[in-house]
Amino acid sequence: MNKKLIAIAVASVMAAPVAMADIKISGRVNQQFVNVDVDGGDASTGLSDSGHTRLQFDGTAGNAYARIALDERLGRIQDNNDEGRVKRDNYVGYKFGGGTSIQFGRMGTAGKNIEKDPLIATFLETRSSVANAKPGDKYSSSSFVDQVGQFKMKAGAATVKVQLGLADSGDAAAPATNQGYTAVSVTGKAGGVKYWFSYNNDSGDQVVGNDDSNLKLGATMKFGKVATTLNYETHDDDGASNEAITVRANMGFGDGLTGYAGIGLASGDGGSAADATWLRLAVSKKLSKGASVYGGYTSTDFDDASVDADFSMIGVGMTVKF
């Protein structure tokens, strides 16, 4: 038999499963060059990635869907060994129509970037700063939770999400991961105002005696070319609470160029979110549909020097999406 015909036949058989599957592969890579200057200490400079770089697979089969997303930042190996890459989303779901769906697995909290920070996953983001009520906490600052079920529906002009922890160890002294976890969010638009609200009970019963909770609410409205955002957050830890109020303004200058300004005021009973001021000045430029560059400056000033040292960051970065 003609060798070319054999090669074509083999290639056709191998390609058939791919052709029958409705799958989308996407991803992005980011690098940023940042200088960090800490009061009373030495300045440091280096390359970093605050959470952009990923590889993502989205598949559909009728009304069913699934996602596997991997955190592909350099050095992000699971448990610091070779057991596998750190996962982002990993879930299955089903769409019923009319904006209603249900899904199970690992996914972002119901309040994950609900405030739509355009500079999230860069050194300029709000979620890892004192502009967040509990910086660095996955339940407060927009990260992923395991063993969760989510119900999503449209209610008029609003979208509602409800999440519940599905695991139960059967042992009150040693709860399962996210046992008792509950979260809800509502997003929508009324006239020219986009609004949001989210609440969760932190890790549920995962930590025995834990009564933490996290809340966000805010709105965005455009005034000409300027989009102004007000966001309010609280983190309550058994009666000890921190709160943060952030005001942001974004303005487009045309040709893919956008400027950003923001101020965050934090107060509370202790920790790195207590009584501090955060400032941001930044700019980004779209180079193409999938590529952009950004640069900017942030400063964090604590009212009480015993809480933490004041510091500032300045840098530039680039993200390529595919």
C-alpha atoms as a PDB file:
ATOM      1  CA  MET A   1       0.000   0.000   0.000  1.00  0.00           C
ATOM      2  CA  ASN A   2       1.166   3.514  -0.743  1.00  0.00           C
ATOM      3  CA  LYS A   3       3.092   4.866   2.260  1.00  0.00           C
ATOM      4  CA  LYS A   4       1.423   8.262   1.908  1.00  0.00           C
ATOM      5  CA  LEU A   5      -2.041   6.671   2.146  1.00  0.00           C
ATOM      6  CA  ILE A   6      -1.001   4.746   5.272  1.00  0.00           C
ATOM      7  CA  ALA A   7       0.301   7.941   6.892  1.00  0.00           C
ATOM      8  CA  ILE A   8      -2.939   9.773   6.065  1.00  0.00           C
ATOM      9  CA  ALA A   9      -5.048   6.922   7.485  1.00  0.00           C
ATOM     10  CA  VAL A  10      -3.059   6.791  10.739  1.00  0.00           C
ATOM     11  CA  ALA A  11      -3.218  10.578  11.142  1.00  0.00           C
ATOM     12  CA  SER A  12      -6.991  10.535  10.561  1.00  0.00           C
ATOM     13  CA  VAL A  13      -7.558   7.880  13.253  1.00  0.00           C
ATOM     14  CA  MET A  14      -5.395   9.749  15.746  1.00  0.00           C
ATOM     15  CA  ALA A  15      -7.103  13.056  15.027  1.00  0.00           C
ATOM     16  CA  ALA A  16     -10.666  11.703  15.283  1.00  0.00           C
ATOM     17  CA  PRO A  17     -11.013  11.966  19.097  1.00  0.00           C
ATOM     18  CA  VAL A  18      -9.768  15.561  18.962  1.00  0.00           C
ATOM     19  CA  ALA A  19     -12.173  16.450  16.176  1.00  0.00           C
ATOM     20  CA  MET A  20     -15.132  14.995  18.094  1.00  0.00           C
ATOM     21  CA  ALA A  21     -14.277  16.825  21.289  1.00  0.00           C
ATOM     22  CA  ASP A  22     -15.305  20.455  21.808  1.00  0.00           C
ATOM     23  CA  ILE A  23     -12.255  21.682  23.680  1.00  0.00           C
ATOM     24  CA  LYS A  24     -10.528  25.023  23.988  1.00  0.00           C
ATOM     25  CA  ILE A  25      -6.920  25.370  25.109  1.00  0.00           C
ATOM     26  CA  SER A  26      -5.797  28.753  26.372  1.00  0.00           C
ATOM     27  CA  GLY A  27      -3.214  30.262  28.643  1.00  0.00           C
ATOM     28  CA  ARG A  28      -1.019  33.217  29.435  1.00  0.00           C
ATOM     29  CA  VAL A  29       2.533  33.983  30.501  1.00  0.00           C
ATOM     30  CA  ASN A  30       3.586  36.973  32.592  1.00  0.00           C
ATOM     31  CA  GLN A  31       6.835  38.451  33.829  1.00  0.00           C
ATOM     32  CA  GLN A  32       7.341  41.650  35.793  1.00  0.00           C
ATOM     33  CA  PHE A  33      10.463  43.486  36.888  1.00  0.00           C
ATOM     34  CA  VAL A  34       9.861  45.069  40.308  1.00  0.00           C
ATOM     35  CA  ASN A  35      11.874  47.090  42.799  1.00  0.00           C
ATOM     36  CA  VAL A  36      10.724  46.901  46.443  1.00  0.00           C
ATOM     37  CA  ASP A  37      11.949  49.579  48.842  1.00  0.00           C
ATOM     38  CA  VAL A  38      11.311  48.954  52.563  1.00  0.00           C
ATOM     39  CA  ASP A  39      11.794  51.695  55.146  1.00  0.00           C
ATOM     40  CA  GLY A  40      14.792  50.875  57.296  1.00  0.00           C
ATOM     41  CA  GLY A  41      15.912  48.075  54.994  1.00  0.00           C
ATOM     42  CA  ASP A  42      17.663  47.388  51.728  1.00  0.00           C
ATOM     43  CA  ALA A  43      15.839  47.730  48.404  1.00  0.00           C
ATOM     44  CA  SER A  44      15.483  44.568  46.315  1.00  0.00           C
ATOM     45  CA  THR A  45      14.851  44.053  42.620  1.00  0.00           C
ATOM     46  CA  GLY A  46      13.818  40.975  40.689  1.00  0.00           C
ATOM     47  CA  LEU A  47      11.598  39.219  38.178  1.00  0.00           C
ATOM     48  CA  SER A  48       8.303  37.833  39.457  1.00  0.00           C
ATOM     49  CA  ASP A  49       4.795  36.691  38.562  1.00  0.00           C
ATOM     50  CA  SER A  50       1.893  37.497  40.893  1.00  0.00           C
ATOM     51  CA  GLY A  51      -0.508  34.907  39.489  1.00  0.00           C
ATOM     52  CA  HIS A  52      -1.009  35.317  35.742  1.00  0.00           C
ATOM     53  CA  THR A  53       0.882  32.419  34.178  1.00  0.00           C
ATOM     54  CA  ARG A  54      -1.406  29.451  33.565  1.00  0.00           C
ATOM     55  CA  LEU A  55      -2.453  26.706  31.130  1.00  0.00           C
ATOM     56  CA  GLN A  56      -6.198  26.107  30.843  1.00  0.00           C
ATOM     57  CA  PHE A  57      -8.395  23.467  29.211  1.00  0.00           C
ATOM     58  CA  ASP A  58     -12.151  24.068  28.756  1.00  0.00           C
ATOM     59  CA  GLY A  59     -14.307  21.278  27.373  1.00  0.00           C
ATOM     60  CA  THR A  60     -18.006  20.918  26.586  1.00  0.00           C
ATOM     61  CA  ALA A  61     -20.199  17.918  25.794  1.00  0.00           C
ATOM     62  CA  GLY A  62     -23.729  19.118  25.105  1.00  0.00           C
ATOM     63  CA  ASN A  63     -24.828  21.116  28.156  1.00  0.00           C
ATOM     64  CA  ALA A  64     -22.090  19.589  30.308  1.00  0.00           C
ATOM     65  CA  TYR A  65     -18.772  21.372  30.721  1.00  0.00           C
ATOM     66  CA  ALA A  66     -15.463  21.009  32.536  1.00  0.00           C
ATOM     67  CA  ARG A  67     -12.321  22.988  33.236  1.00  0.00           C
ATOM     68  CA  ILE A  68      -8.790  22.066  34.229  1.00  0.00           C
ATOM     69  CA  ALA A  69      -6.452  25.005  34.841  1.00  0.00           C
ATOM     70  CA  LEU A  70      -2.855  24.712  36.017  1.00  0.00           C
ATOM     71  CA  ASP A  71      -0.696  27.324  37.708  1.00  0.00           C
ATOM     72  CA  GLU A  72       2.432  27.317  35.558  1.00  0.00           C
ATOM     73  CA  ARG A  73       4.487  29.968  37.334  1.00  0.00           C
ATOM     74  CA  LEU A  74       8.112  28.939  37.706  1.00  0.00           C
ATOM     75  CA  GLY A  75       8.735  27.258  41.056  1.00  0.00           C
ATOM     76  CA  ARG A  76       5.040  26.604  41.759  1.00  0.00           C
ATOM     77  CA  ILE A  77       5.398  22.853  42.317  1.00  0.00           C
ATOM     78  CA  GLN A  78       2.799  21.165  44.517  1.00  0.00           C
ATOM     79  CA  ASP A  79       4.064  20.847  48.098  1.00  0.00           C
ATOM     80  CA  ASN A  80       7.577  21.828  46.979  1.00  0.00           C
ATOM     81  CA  ASN A  81       8.214  18.420  45.460  1.00  0.00           C
ATOM     82  CA  ASP A  82       7.556  16.685  42.160  1.00  0.00           C
ATOM     83  CA  GLU A  83       3.998  15.440  42.826  1.00  0.00           C
ATOM     84  CA  GLY A  84       2.487  17.783  40.259  1.00  0.00           C
ATOM     85  CA  ARG A  85       1.643  21.334  39.326  1.00  0.00           C
ATOM     86  CA  VAL A  86      -0.456  23.529  41.571  1.00  0.00           C
ATOM     87  CA  LYS A  87      -4.047  23.524  40.324  1.00  0.00           C
ATOM     88  CA  ARG A  88      -6.267  26.499  39.732  1.00  0.00           C
ATOM     89  CA  ASP A  89      -9.806  25.485  38.661  1.00  0.00           C
ATOM     90  CA  ASN A  90     -10.690  21.795  38.381  1.00  0.00           C
ATOM     91  CA  TYR A  91     -14.439  21.235  38.059  1.00  0.00           C
ATOM     92  CA  VAL A  92     -17.342  19.740  36.105  1.00  0.00           C
ATOM     93  CA  GLY A  93     -20.735  21.356  35.564  1.00  0.00           C
ATOM     94  CA  TYR A  94     -24.037  21.416  33.721  1.00  0.00           C
ATOM     95  CA  LYS A  95     -25.962  24.329  32.147  1.00  0.00           C
ATOM     96  CA  PHE A  96     -29.753  24.188  32.376  1.00  0.00           C
ATOM     97  CA  GLY A  97     -30.401  27.299  30.272  1.00  0.00           C
ATOM     98  CA  GLY A  98     -31.559  30.757  31.234  1.00  0.00           C
ATOM     99  CA  GLY A  99     -28.278  31.459  33.005  1.00  0.00           C
ATOM    100  CA  THR A 100     -28.721  28.583  35.481  1.00  0.00           C
ATOM    101  CA  SER A 101     -25.890  26.120  36.096  1.00  0.00           C
ATOM    102  CA  ILE A 102     -24.457  23.822  38.721  1.00  0.00           C
ATOM    103  CA  GLN A 103     -20.835  22.727  39.120  1.00  0.00           C
ATOM    104  CA  PHE A 104     -18.617  20.719  41.486  1.00  0.00           C
ATOM    105  CA  GLY A 105     -14.909  20.610  42.275  1.00  0.00           C
ATOM    106  CA  ARG A 106     -12.205  23.206  42.873  1.00  0.00           C
ATOM    107  CA  MET A 107     -13.089  26.769  41.882  1.00  0.00           C
ATOM    108  CA  GLY A 108     -12.685  30.408  42.821  1.00  0.00           C
ATOM    109  CA  THR A 109     -14.575  31.692  45.836  1.00  0.00           C
ATOM    110  CA  ALA A 110     -17.913  33.332  45.027  1.00  0.00           C
ATOM    111  CA  GLY A 111     -16.256  36.709  45.652  1.00  0.00           C
ATOM    112  CA  LYS A 112     -13.167  36.081  43.535  1.00  0.00           C
ATOM    113  CA  ASN A 113     -12.261  39.424  41.946  1.00  0.00           C
ATOM    114  CA  ILE A 114     -15.914  40.382  42.105  1.00  0.00           C
ATOM    115  CA  GLU A 115     -14.729  44.007  42.259  1.00  0.00           C
ATOM    116  CA  LYS A 116     -12.992  43.577  38.855  1.00  0.00           C
ATOM    117  CA  ASP A 117      -9.547  44.961  39.597  1.00  0.00           C
ATOM    118  CA  PRO A 118      -8.010  45.362  36.092  1.00  0.00           C
ATOM    119  CA  LEU A 119      -4.496  44.922  37.544  1.00  0.00           C
ATOM    120  CA  ILE A 120      -5.178  41.730  39.494  1.00  0.00           C
ATOM    121  CA  ALA A 121      -2.344  39.162  39.424  1.00  0.00           C
ATOM    122  CA  THR A 122       0.297  41.897  39.116  1.00  0.00           C
ATOM    123  CA  PHE A 123       2.388  43.612  41.780  1.00  0.00           C
ATOM    124  CA  LEU A 124      -0.089  46.511  41.459  1.00  0.00           C
ATOM    125  CA  GLU A 125      -3.160  44.485  42.549  1.00  0.00           C
ATOM    126  CA  THR A 126      -5.407  45.396  45.482  1.00  0.00           C
ATOM    127  CA  ARG A 127      -5.999  41.858  46.789  1.00  0.00           C
ATOM    128  CA  SER A 128      -2.490  41.333  48.223  1.00  0.00           C
ATOM    129  CA  SER A 129      -2.335  44.849  49.667  1.00  0.00           C
ATOM    130  CA  VAL A 130      -3.894  46.498  52.728  1.00  0.00           C
ATOM    131  CA  ALA A 131      -6.685  47.557  50.346  1.00  0.00           C
ATOM    132  CA  ASN A 132      -7.915  44.027  51.117  1.00  0.00           C
ATOM    133  CA  ALA A 133      -9.376  43.348  54.574  1.00  0.00           C
ATOM    134  CA  LYS A 134      -7.130  40.273  55.032  1.00  0.00           C
ATOM    135  CA  PRO A 135      -4.260  40.324  52.531  1.00  0.00           C
ATOM    136  CA  GLY A 136      -3.007  36.950  51.358  1.00  0.00           C
ATOM    137  CA  ASP A 137      -5.959  34.928  52.677  1.00  0.00           C
ATOM    138  CA  LYS A 138      -7.601  32.835  49.958  1.00  0.00           C
ATOM    139  CA  TYR A 139     -11.126  33.248  51.328  1.00  0.00           C
ATOM    140  CA  SER A 140     -10.750  37.017  51.620  1.00  0.00           C
ATOM    141  CA  SER A 141      -8.435  37.892  48.750  1.00  0.00           C
ATOM    142  CA  SER A 142      -9.840  35.891  45.865  1.00  0.00           C
ATOM    143  CA  SER A 143      -8.396  32.419  45.451  1.00  0.00           C
ATOM    144  CA  PHE A 144      -9.538  28.819  44.973  1.00  0.00           C
ATOM    145  CA  VAL A 145     -11.378  26.421  47.294  1.00  0.00           C
ATOM    146  CA  ASP A 146     -11.620  22.610  47.143  1.00  0.00           C
ATOM    147  CA  GLN A 147     -14.537  20.176  47.489  1.00  0.00           C
ATOM    148  CA  VAL A 148     -17.196  22.784  46.723  1.00  0.00           C
ATOM    149  CA  GLY A 149     -20.525  22.765  44.906  1.00  0.00           C
ATOM    150  CA  GLN A 150     -21.875  25.886  43.209  1.00  0.00           C
ATOM    151  CA  PHE A 151     -25.357  26.870  42.030  1.00  0.00           C
ATOM    152  CA  LYS A 152     -25.604  29.875  39.699  1.00  0.00           C
ATOM    153  CA  MET A 153     -28.731  31.586  38.395  1.00  0.00           C
ATOM    154  CA  LYS A 154     -30.071  34.797  36.886  1.00  0.00           C
ATOM    155  CA  ALA A 155     -32.540  36.818  38.954  1.00  0.00           C
ATOM    156  CA  GLY A 156     -33.725  39.666  36.773  1.00  0.00           C
ATOM    157  CA  ALA A 157     -30.709  41.853  36.029  1.00  0.00           C
ATOM    158  CA  ALA A 158     -28.661  40.150  38.747  1.00  0.00           C
ATOM    159  CA  THR A 159     -26.516  37.005  38.789  1.00  0.00           C
ATOM    160  CA  VAL A 160     -26.534  34.964  41.999  1.00  0.00           C
ATOM    161  CA  LYS A 161     -23.966  32.346  43.068  1.00  0.00           C
ATOM    162  CA  VAL A 162     -24.262  30.049  46.076  1.00  0.00           C
ATOM    163  CA  GLN A 163     -21.382  27.782  47.106  1.00  0.00           C
ATOM    164  CA  LEU A 164     -21.353  25.006  49.710  1.00  0.00           C
ATOM    165  CA  GLY A 165     -18.604  22.762  51.069  1.00  0.00           C
ATOM    166  CA  LEU A 166     -19.536  19.182  50.176  1.00  0.00           C
ATOM    167  CA  ALA A 167     -17.187  17.144  52.376  1.00  0.00           C
ATOM    168  CA  ASP A 168     -17.990  15.869  55.883  1.00  0.00           C
ATOM    169  CA  SER A 169     -15.426  13.841  57.824  1.00  0.00           C
ATOM    170  CA  GLY A 170     -17.984  12.640  60.371  1.00  0.00           C
ATOM    171  CA  ASP A 171     -15.595  13.778  63.110  1.00  0.00           C
ATOM    172  CA  ALA A 172     -16.376  17.168  64.660  1.00  0.00           C
ATOM    173  CA  ALA A 173     -12.859  17.331  66.110  1.00  0.00           C
ATOM    174  CA  ALA A 174     -11.252  16.843  62.670  1.00  0.00           C
ATOM    175  CA  PRO A 175     -13.468  18.420  59.990  1.00  0.00           C
ATOM    176  CA  ALA A 176     -12.877  17.772  56.294  1.00  0.00           C
ATOM    177  CA  THR A 177     -11.479  20.410  53.956  1.00  0.00           C
ATOM    178  CA  ASN A 178     -14.020  23.252  53.693  1.00  0.00           C
ATOM    179  CA  GLN A 179     -16.587  21.325  55.702  1.00  0.00           C
ATOM    180  CA  GLY A 180     -19.402  23.758  56.486  1.00  0.00           C
ATOM    181  CA  TYR A 181     -18.119  26.342  54.004  1.00  0.00           C
ATOM    182  CA  THR A 182     -20.859  28.658  52.701  1.00  0.00           C
ATOM    183  CA  ALA A 183     -20.566  31.537  50.256  1.00  0.00           C
ATOM    184  CA  VAL A 184     -22.922  33.728  48.266  1.00  0.00           C
ATOM    185  CA  SER A 185     -22.462  36.538  45.749  1.00  0.00           C
ATOM    186  CA  VAL A 186     -24.756  38.870  43.808  1.00  0.00           C
ATOM    187  CA  THR A 187     -23.639  40.948  40.830  1.00  0.00           C
ATOM    188  CA  GLY A 188     -25.685  43.101  38.514  1.00  0.00           C
ATOM    189  CA  LYS A 189     -26.326  46.410  36.833  1.00  0.00           C
ATOM    190  CA  ALA A 190     -28.886  49.082  37.653  1.00  0.00           C
ATOM    191  CA  GLY A 191     -28.907  51.931  35.163  1.00  0.00           C
ATOM    192  CA  GLY A 192     -25.306  52.985  34.705  1.00  0.00           C
ATOM    193  CA  VAL A 193     -24.147  51.405  37.972  1.00  0.00           C
ATOM    194  CA  LYS A 194     -22.540  47.970  38.242  1.00  0.00           C
ATOM    195  CA  TYR A 195     -22.813  46.552  41.752  1.00  0.00           C
ATOM    196  CA  TRP A 196     -21.618  43.514  43.708  1.00  0.00           C
ATOM    197  CA  PHE A 197     -21.921  41.800  47.058  1.00  0.00           C
ATOM    198  CA  SER A 198     -20.260  38.666  48.414  1.00  0.00           C
ATOM    199  CA  TYR A 199     -20.053  36.874  51.749  1.00  0.00           C
ATOM    200  CA  ASN A 200     -18.429  33.686  52.999  1.00  0.00           C
ATOM    201  CA  ASN A 201     -17.782  32.050  56.350  1.00  0.00           C
ATOM    202  CA  ASP A 202     -14.069  31.673  55.607  1.00  0.00           C
ATOM    203  CA  SER A 203     -13.019  28.011  55.877  1.00  0.00           C
ATOM    204  CA  GLY A 204     -16.284  26.885  57.480  1.00  0.00           C
ATOM    205  CA  ASP A 205     -15.612  24.231  60.122  1.00  0.00           C
ATOM    206  CA  GLN A 206     -12.239  23.282  58.662  1.00  0.00           C
ATOM    207  CA  VAL A 207     -10.528  25.005  61.584  1.00  0.00           C
ATOM    208  CA  VAL A 208     -12.206  23.922  64.836  1.00  0.00           C
ATOM    209  CA  GLY A 209     -13.620  26.930  66.676  1.00  0.00           C
ATOM    210  CA  ASN A 210     -13.272  29.167  63.613  1.00  0.00           C
ATOM    211  CA  ASP A 211     -15.957  31.847  63.317  1.00  0.00           C
ATOM    212  CA  ASP A 212     -14.290  33.986  60.643  1.00  0.00           C
ATOM    213  CA  SER A 213     -16.247  35.702  57.883  1.00  0.00           C
ATOM    214  CA  ASN A 214     -15.491  37.846  54.843  1.00  0.00           C
ATOM    215  CA  LEU A 215     -17.706  40.425  53.145  1.00  0.00           C
ATOM    216  CA  LYS A 216     -17.366  42.616  50.061  1.00  0.00           C
ATOM    217  CA  LEU A 217     -19.713  45.159  48.561  1.00  0.00           C
ATOM    218  CA  GLY A 218     -19.234  47.937  46.069  1.00  0.00           C
ATOM    219  CA  ALA A 219     -20.150  49.597  42.799  1.00  0.00           C
ATOM    220  CA  THR A 220     -18.655  51.060  39.623  1.00  0.00           C
ATOM    221  CA  MET A 221     -19.996  53.968  37.582  1.00  0.00           C
ATOM    222  CA  LYS A 222     -18.624  55.744  34.516  1.00  0.00           C
ATOM    223  CA  PHE A 223     -18.329  59.511  34.285  1.00  0.00           C
ATOM    224  CA  GLY A 224     -17.401  60.174  30.696  1.00  0.00           C
ATOM    225  CA  LYS A 225     -14.149  58.309  30.058  1.00  0.00           C
ATOM    226  CA  VAL A 226     -13.469  57.749  33.758  1.00  0.00           C
ATOM    227  CA  ALA A 227     -14.742  54.617  35.525  1.00  0.00           C
ATOM    228  CA  THR A 228     -14.885  55.156  39.297  1.00  0.00           C
ATOM    229  CA  THR A 229     -15.076  52.227  41.723  1.00  0.00           C
ATOM    230  CA  LEU A 230     -15.867  52.121  45.427  1.00  0.00           C
ATOM    231  CA  ASN A 231     -15.225  48.821  47.229  1.00  0.00           C
ATOM    232  CA  TYR A 232     -15.714  47.994  50.925  1.00  0.00           C
ATOM    233  CA  GLU A 233     -14.444  44.828  52.617  1.00  0.00           C
ATOM    234  CA  THR A 234     -14.497  43.361  56.112  1.00  0.00           C
ATOM    235  CA  HIS A 235     -12.828  40.357  57.698  1.00  0.00           C
ATOM    236  CA  ASP A 236     -14.155  39.265  61.082  1.00  0.00           C
ATOM    237  CA  ASP A 237     -12.112  36.871  63.240  1.00  0.00           C
ATOM    238  CA  ASP A 238     -14.144  35.873  66.309  1.00  0.00           C
ATOM    239  CA  GLY A 239     -15.023  39.502  67.036  1.00  0.00           C
ATOM    240  CA  ALA A 240     -11.686  41.029  65.997  1.00  0.00           C
ATOM    241  CA  SER A 241     -12.319  42.746  62.682  1.00  0.00           C
ATOM    242  CA  ASN A 242     -10.414  44.506  59.925  1.00  0.00           C
ATOM    243  CA  GLU A 243     -11.957  46.625  57.186  1.00  0.00           C
ATOM    244  CA  ALA A 244     -10.749  48.313  54.023  1.00  0.00           C
ATOM    245  CA  ILE A 245     -12.276  50.949  51.770  1.00  0.00           C
ATOM    246  CA  THR A 246     -10.838  51.395  48.282  1.00  0.00           C
ATOM    247  CA  VAL A 247     -11.537  54.079  45.696  1.00  0.00           C
ATOM    248  CA  ARG A 248     -10.238  53.464  42.181  1.00  0.00           C
ATOM    249  CA  ALA A 249     -10.414  55.473  38.945  1.00  0.00           C
ATOM    250  CA  ASN A 250      -9.531  54.157  35.477  1.00  0.00           C
ATOM    251  CA  MET A 251      -9.363  56.298  32.349  1.00  0.00           C
ATOM    252  CA  GLY A 252      -8.835  55.296  28.747  1.00  0.00           C
ATOM    253  CA  PHE A 253      -6.648  57.571  26.633  1.00  0.00           C
ATOM    254  CA  GLY A 254      -7.247  55.803  23.336  1.00  0.00           C
ATOM    255  CA  ASP A 255      -5.104  53.459  21.243  1.00  0.00           C
ATOM    256  CA  GLY A 256      -5.158  50.821  24.036  1.00  0.00           C
ATOM    257  CA  LEU A 257      -3.612  53.118  26.648  1.00  0.00           C
ATOM    258  CA  THR A 258      -5.269  53.212  30.119  1.00  0.00           C
ATOM    259  CA  GLY A 259      -4.347  55.039  33.309  1.00  0.00           C
ATOM    260  CA  TYR A 260      -5.150  53.856  36.842  1.00  0.00           C
ATOM    261  CA  ALA A 261      -5.245  55.601  40.210  1.00  0.00           C
ATOM    262  CA  GLY A 262      -6.353  54.234  43.552  1.00  0.00           C
ATOM    263  CA  ILE A 263      -6.323  54.753  47.300  1.00  0.00           C
ATOM    264  CA  GLY A 264      -7.098  52.193  49.989  1.00  0.00           C
ATOM    265  CA  LEU A 265      -7.726  52.959  53.665  1.00  0.00           C
ATOM    266  CA  ALA A 266      -7.470  50.081  56.122  1.00  0.00           C
ATOM    267  CA  SER A 267      -8.345  49.925  59.801  1.00  0.00           C
ATOM    268  CA  GLY A 268      -8.929  47.215  62.364  1.00  0.00           C
ATOM    269  CA  ASP A 269      -7.976  45.377  65.496  1.00  0.00           C
ATOM    270  CA  GLY A 270      -4.594  44.103  64.387  1.00  0.00           C
ATOM    271  CA  GLY A 271      -2.516  42.408  61.752  1.00  0.00           C
ATOM    272  CA  SER A 272      -1.170  43.692  58.468  1.00  0.00           C
ATOM    273  CA  ALA A 273      -4.492  45.257  57.460  1.00  0.00           C
ATOM    274  CA  ALA A 274      -4.754  47.535  60.512  1.00  0.00           C
ATOM    275  CA  ASP A 275      -4.612  51.337  60.139  1.00  0.00           C
ATOM    276  CA  ALA A 276      -2.742  51.796  56.879  1.00  0.00           C
ATOM    277  CA  THR A 277      -2.960  53.706  53.610  1.00  0.00           C
ATOM    278  CA  TRP A 278      -2.296  52.233  50.163  1.00  0.00           C
ATOM    279  CA  LEU A 279      -1.766  54.263  46.971  1.00  0.00           C
ATOM    280  CA  ARG A 280      -1.535  53.168  43.316  1.00  0.00           C
ATOM    281  CA  LEU A 281      -0.571  54.989  40.133  1.00  0.00           C
ATOM    282  CA  ALA A 282      -0.241  52.880  37.004  1.00  0.00           C
ATOM    283  CA  VAL A 283      -0.640  52.669  33.246  1.00  0.00           C
ATOM    284  CA  SER A 284      -1.134  49.829  30.763  1.00  0.00           C
ATOM    285  CA  LYS A 285      -0.887  49.569  26.984  1.00  0.00           C
ATOM    286  CA  LYS A 286      -2.389  46.907  24.728  1.00  0.00           C
ATOM    287  CA  LEU A 287       0.118  45.834  22.131  1.00  0.00           C
ATOM    288  CA  SER A 288      -2.304  43.471  20.402  1.00  0.00           C
ATOM    289  CA  LYS A 289      -5.406  41.426  21.235  1.00  0.00           C
ATOM    290  CA  GLY A 290      -3.424  39.109  23.495  1.00  0.00           C
ATOM    291  CA  ALA A 291      -0.415  41.137  24.599  1.00  0.00           C
ATOM    292  CA  SER A 292      -0.100  44.076  26.974  1.00  0.00           C
ATOM    293  CA  VAL A 293       2.505  45.903  29.000  1.00  0.00           C
ATOM    294  CA  TYR A 294       2.024  47.766  32.267  1.00  0.00           C
ATOM    295  CA  GLY A 295       3.973  49.786  34.761  1.00  0.00           C
ATOM    296  CA  GLY A 296       3.338  51.662  37.951  1.00  0.00           C
ATOM    297  CA  TYR A 297       3.983  52.524  41.548  1.00  0.00           C
ATOM    298  CA  THR A 298       2.363  51.569  44.857  1.00  0.00           C
ATOM    299  CA  SER A 299       3.070  52.654  48.403  1.00  0.00           C
ATOM    300  CA  THR A 300       1.890  51.249  51.736  1.00  0.00           C
ATOM    301  CA  ASP A 301       2.129  53.398  54.880  1.00  0.00           C
ATOM    302  CA  PHE A 302       1.256  52.026  58.328  1.00  0.00           C
ATOM    303  CA  ASP A 303       0.059  54.384  61.055  1.00  0.00           C
ATOM    304  CA  ASP A 304       1.854  52.286  63.663  1.00  0.00           C
ATOM    305  CA  ALA A 305       5.455  51.420  62.779  1.00  0.00           C
ATOM    306  CA  SER A 306       5.341  48.488  65.213  1.00  0.00           C
ATOM    307  CA  VAL A 307       2.750  46.729  63.002  1.00  0.00           C
ATOM    308  CA  ASP A 308       4.941  46.648  59.907  1.00  0.00           C
ATOM    309  CA  ALA A 309       7.422  48.750  57.949  1.00  0.00           C
ATOM    310  CA  ASP A 310       6.263  51.160  55.257  1.00  0.00           C
ATOM    311  CA  PHE A 311       7.263  50.120  51.746  1.00  0.00           C
ATOM    312  CA  SER A 312       6.850  51.001  48.092  1.00  0.00           C
ATOM    313  CA  MET A 313       7.039  49.095  44.819  1.00  0.00           C
ATOM    314  CA  ILE A 314       7.800  50.326  41.319  1.00  0.00           C
ATOM    315  CA  GLY A 315       8.112  48.222  38.212  1.00  0.00           C
ATOM    316  CA  VAL A 316       7.024  47.152  34.716  1.00  0.00           C
ATOM    317  CA  GLY A 317       5.570  43.944  33.348  1.00  0.00           C
ATOM    318  CA  MET A 318       4.255  42.171  30.271  1.00  0.00           C
ATOM    319  CA  THR A 319       1.504  39.575  29.758  1.00  0.00           C
ATOM    320  CA  VAL A 320       0.931  37.469  26.641  1.00  0.00           C
ATOM    321  CA  LYS A 321      -2.370  35.582  26.335  1.00  0.00           C
ATOM    322  CA  PHE A 322      -3.012  32.807  23.836  1.00  0.00           C
END
